[in-house]
Amino acid sequence: MHTPDTTFAMTPEQLREHAGQACALLKALANEDRLMLLCQIASRQRLNVSELENATGIRQPTLSQQLAVLRQEALVTTEKEGKYVFYRLANEDVVRIMHTLWDIYCAAPAPSRQTHAPEA
């Protein structure tokens, strides 16, 4: 279990700013298409639009719209090579979050992990 470091106490203003940043990130992640795109990019380092379409089944124009949101929210960056535009996760924080989500929701469940609600 992770214990917060209490050696650096934030002011209420700093807490509010950080909470605002976290809320913006969570809002961007709270969309199935965007989350699927980020998971695919995280698992393969970088992908172009055709690869993302094949991997997720998300079709145009939805794919372009969601990639635009991810760029606008600074969750992905682009890199042009010839006629292809490749997408990669924007920074180490996004990588860490996506790996955590992958471990919780996509990795093989641990034998002790309960996969459904207990019967009453």
C-alpha atoms as a PDB file:
ATOM      1  CA  MET A   1       0.000   0.000   0.000  1.00  0.00           C
ATOM      2  CA  HIS A   2       1.295   3.453  -0.902  1.00  0.00           C
ATOM      3  CA  THR A   3       1.652   5.874   1.990  1.00  0.00           C
ATOM      4  CA  PRO A   4       1.628   9.572   1.062  1.00  0.00           C
ATOM      5  CA  ASP A   5       4.776  11.558   1.820  1.00  0.00           C
ATOM      6  CA  THR A   6       3.818  14.019   4.540  1.00  0.00           C
ATOM      7  CA  THR A   7       7.150  15.860   4.558  1.00  0.00           C
ATOM      8  CA  PHE A   8       5.806  18.288   1.966  1.00  0.00           C
ATOM      9  CA  ALA A   9       2.486  19.705   3.059  1.00  0.00           C
ATOM     10  CA  MET A  10       0.642  21.521   0.310  1.00  0.00           C
ATOM     11  CA  THR A  11      -1.298  24.677   0.901  1.00  0.00           C
ATOM     12  CA  PRO A  12      -5.039  24.547   0.227  1.00  0.00           C
ATOM     13  CA  GLU A  13      -4.414  26.549  -2.948  1.00  0.00           C
ATOM     14  CA  GLN A  14      -1.834  24.023  -4.159  1.00  0.00           C
ATOM     15  CA  LEU A  15      -4.168  21.155  -3.302  1.00  0.00           C
ATOM     16  CA  ARG A  16      -6.961  22.800  -5.288  1.00  0.00           C
ATOM     17  CA  GLU A  17      -4.666  23.339  -8.292  1.00  0.00           C
ATOM     18  CA  HIS A  18      -3.517  19.708  -8.216  1.00  0.00           C
ATOM     19  CA  ALA A  19      -7.092  18.500  -7.771  1.00  0.00           C
ATOM     20  CA  GLY A  20      -8.093  20.556 -10.808  1.00  0.00           C
ATOM     21  CA  GLN A  21      -5.330  18.977 -12.873  1.00  0.00           C
ATOM     22  CA  ALA A  22      -6.348  15.487 -11.744  1.00  0.00           C
ATOM     23  CA  CYS A  23     -10.006  16.207 -12.555  1.00  0.00           C
ATOM     24  CA  ALA A  24      -9.086  17.381 -16.063  1.00  0.00           C
ATOM     25  CA  LEU A  25      -7.088  14.193 -16.629  1.00  0.00           C
ATOM     26  CA  LEU A  26      -9.842  11.947 -15.267  1.00  0.00           C
ATOM     27  CA  LYS A  27     -12.420  13.735 -17.417  1.00  0.00           C
ATOM     28  CA  ALA A  28     -10.310  13.061 -20.514  1.00  0.00           C
ATOM     29  CA  LEU A  29      -9.928   9.402 -19.503  1.00  0.00           C
ATOM     30  CA  ALA A  30     -13.655   8.985 -18.797  1.00  0.00           C
ATOM     31  CA  ASN A  31     -14.483   7.997 -22.369  1.00  0.00           C
ATOM     32  CA  GLU A  32     -14.293   4.399 -23.585  1.00  0.00           C
ATOM     33  CA  ASP A  33     -12.909   5.278 -27.016  1.00  0.00           C
ATOM     34  CA  ARG A  34     -10.176   7.544 -25.646  1.00  0.00           C
ATOM     35  CA  LEU A  35      -9.258   4.983 -23.003  1.00  0.00           C
ATOM     36  CA  MET A  36      -9.026   2.228 -25.618  1.00  0.00           C
ATOM     37  CA  LEU A  37      -6.797   4.421 -27.769  1.00  0.00           C
ATOM     38  CA  LEU A  38      -4.506   5.262 -24.862  1.00  0.00           C
ATOM     39  CA  CYS A  39      -4.281   1.593 -23.843  1.00  0.00           C
ATOM     40  CA  GLN A  40      -3.240   0.588 -27.344  1.00  0.00           C
ATOM     41  CA  ILE A  41      -0.669   3.363 -27.592  1.00  0.00           C
ATOM     42  CA  ALA A  42       0.714   2.488 -24.145  1.00  0.00           C
ATOM     43  CA  SER A  43       1.053  -1.183 -25.027  1.00  0.00           C
ATOM     44  CA  ARG A  44       2.950  -0.555 -28.275  1.00  0.00           C
ATOM     45  CA  GLN A  45       4.795   2.746 -27.640  1.00  0.00           C
ATOM     46  CA  ARG A  46       3.497   4.422 -30.799  1.00  0.00           C
ATOM     47  CA  LEU A  47       0.856   3.754 -33.434  1.00  0.00           C
ATOM     48  CA  ASN A  48      -0.448   5.447 -36.553  1.00  0.00           C
ATOM     49  CA  VAL A  49      -4.128   6.075 -37.298  1.00  0.00           C
ATOM     50  CA  SER A  50      -4.572   2.905 -39.392  1.00  0.00           C
ATOM     51  CA  GLU A  51      -3.009   0.778 -36.666  1.00  0.00           C
ATOM     52  CA  LEU A  52      -5.223   2.398 -34.039  1.00  0.00           C
ATOM     53  CA  GLU A  53      -8.321   1.833 -36.151  1.00  0.00           C
ATOM     54  CA  ASN A  54      -7.452  -1.849 -36.627  1.00  0.00           C
ATOM     55  CA  ALA A  55      -6.534  -2.370 -32.964  1.00  0.00           C
ATOM     56  CA  THR A  56      -9.621  -0.699 -31.497  1.00  0.00           C
ATOM     57  CA  GLY A  57     -12.332  -1.013 -34.128  1.00  0.00           C
ATOM     58  CA  ILE A  58     -13.035   2.707 -33.741  1.00  0.00           C
ATOM     59  CA  ARG A  59     -13.928   4.119 -37.148  1.00  0.00           C
ATOM     60  CA  GLN A  60     -13.619   7.560 -38.700  1.00  0.00           C
ATOM     61  CA  PRO A  61     -14.703  10.244 -37.885  1.00  0.00           C
ATOM     62  CA  THR A  62     -14.925   9.141 -34.224  1.00  0.00           C
ATOM     63  CA  LEU A  63     -11.282   8.096 -34.238  1.00  0.00           C
ATOM     64  CA  SER A  64     -10.101  11.505 -35.454  1.00  0.00           C
ATOM     65  CA  GLN A  65     -12.344  13.323 -32.976  1.00  0.00           C
ATOM     66  CA  GLN A  66     -11.046  11.335 -30.019  1.00  0.00           C
ATOM     67  CA  LEU A  67      -7.419  11.666 -31.082  1.00  0.00           C
ATOM     68  CA  ALA A  68      -7.950  15.436 -31.322  1.00  0.00           C
ATOM     69  CA  VAL A  69      -9.236  15.487 -27.741  1.00  0.00           C
ATOM     70  CA  LEU A  70      -6.222  13.472 -26.576  1.00  0.00           C
ATOM     71  CA  ARG A  71      -3.887  15.936 -28.326  1.00  0.00           C
ATOM     72  CA  GLN A  72      -5.755  18.940 -26.922  1.00  0.00           C
ATOM     73  CA  GLU A  73      -5.542  17.509 -23.402  1.00  0.00           C
ATOM     74  CA  ALA A  74      -1.798  16.866 -23.913  1.00  0.00           C
ATOM     75  CA  LEU A  75      -2.152  13.113 -23.316  1.00  0.00           C
ATOM     76  CA  VAL A  76      -0.574  12.188 -26.649  1.00  0.00           C
ATOM     77  CA  THR A  77       1.974  13.729 -28.952  1.00  0.00           C
ATOM     78  CA  THR A  78       2.362  13.204 -32.679  1.00  0.00           C
ATOM     79  CA  GLU A  79       5.337  12.464 -34.835  1.00  0.00           C
ATOM     80  CA  LYS A  80       5.196  12.585 -38.633  1.00  0.00           C
ATOM     81  CA  GLU A  81       7.152  10.076 -40.700  1.00  0.00           C
ATOM     82  CA  GLY A  82       6.523  10.340 -44.405  1.00  0.00           C
ATOM     83  CA  LYS A  83       2.779  10.115 -44.954  1.00  0.00           C
ATOM     84  CA  TYR A  84       2.111   8.612 -41.505  1.00  0.00           C
ATOM     85  CA  VAL A  85       1.365  10.378 -38.230  1.00  0.00           C
ATOM     86  CA  PHE A  86       2.327   8.332 -35.183  1.00  0.00           C
ATOM     87  CA  TYR A  87       0.805   8.822 -31.751  1.00  0.00           C
ATOM     88  CA  ARG A  88       2.638   8.241 -28.496  1.00  0.00           C
ATOM     89  CA  LEU A  89       1.855   8.987 -24.869  1.00  0.00           C
ATOM     90  CA  ALA A  90       2.833  12.538 -24.035  1.00  0.00           C
ATOM     91  CA  ASN A  91       4.764  12.098 -20.803  1.00  0.00           C
ATOM     92  CA  GLU A  92       5.808   9.748 -18.027  1.00  0.00           C
ATOM     93  CA  ASP A  93       2.777  10.622 -15.876  1.00  0.00           C
ATOM     94  CA  VAL A  94       0.395   9.421 -18.601  1.00  0.00           C
ATOM     95  CA  VAL A  95       2.511   6.277 -19.058  1.00  0.00           C
ATOM     96  CA  ARG A  96       2.323   5.531 -15.322  1.00  0.00           C
ATOM     97  CA  ILE A  97      -1.438   6.042 -15.224  1.00  0.00           C
ATOM     98  CA  MET A  98      -2.029   3.845 -18.263  1.00  0.00           C
ATOM     99  CA  HIS A  99       0.196   1.079 -16.882  1.00  0.00           C
ATOM    100  CA  THR A 100      -1.713   1.205 -13.596  1.00  0.00           C
ATOM    101  CA  LEU A 101      -5.054   0.972 -15.414  1.00  0.00           C
ATOM    102  CA  TRP A 102      -3.687  -1.886 -17.532  1.00  0.00           C
ATOM    103  CA  ASP A 103      -2.566  -3.755 -14.404  1.00  0.00           C
ATOM    104  CA  ILE A 104      -5.970  -3.344 -12.768  1.00  0.00           C
ATOM    105  CA  TYR A 105      -8.299  -3.921 -15.720  1.00  0.00           C
ATOM    106  CA  CYS A 106      -6.435  -5.689 -18.519  1.00  0.00           C
ATOM    107  CA  ALA A 107      -3.827  -7.977 -16.969  1.00  0.00           C
ATOM    108  CA  ALA A 108      -4.811 -11.528 -16.105  1.00  0.00           C
ATOM    109  CA  PRO A 109      -6.722 -11.467 -12.819  1.00  0.00           C
ATOM    110  CA  ALA A 110      -4.886 -12.717  -9.767  1.00  0.00           C
ATOM    111  CA  PRO A 111      -6.372 -15.900  -8.310  1.00  0.00           C
ATOM    112  CA  SER A 112      -7.568 -14.003  -5.235  1.00  0.00           C
ATOM    113  CA  ARG A 113      -9.087 -11.142  -7.258  1.00  0.00           C
ATOM    114  CA  GLN A 114     -12.865 -11.270  -7.210  1.00  0.00           C
ATOM    115  CA  THR A 115     -14.351 -10.709 -10.670  1.00  0.00           C
ATOM    116  CA  HIS A 116     -17.995 -10.345  -9.683  1.00  0.00           C
ATOM    117  CA  ALA A 117     -20.123  -9.211  -6.785  1.00  0.00           C
ATOM    118  CA  PRO A 118     -20.684 -11.743  -4.025  1.00  0.00           C
ATOM    119  CA  GLU A 119     -24.039 -13.427  -3.924  1.00  0.00           C
ATOM    120  CA  ALA A 120     -26.373 -12.261  -1.187  1.00  0.00           C
END
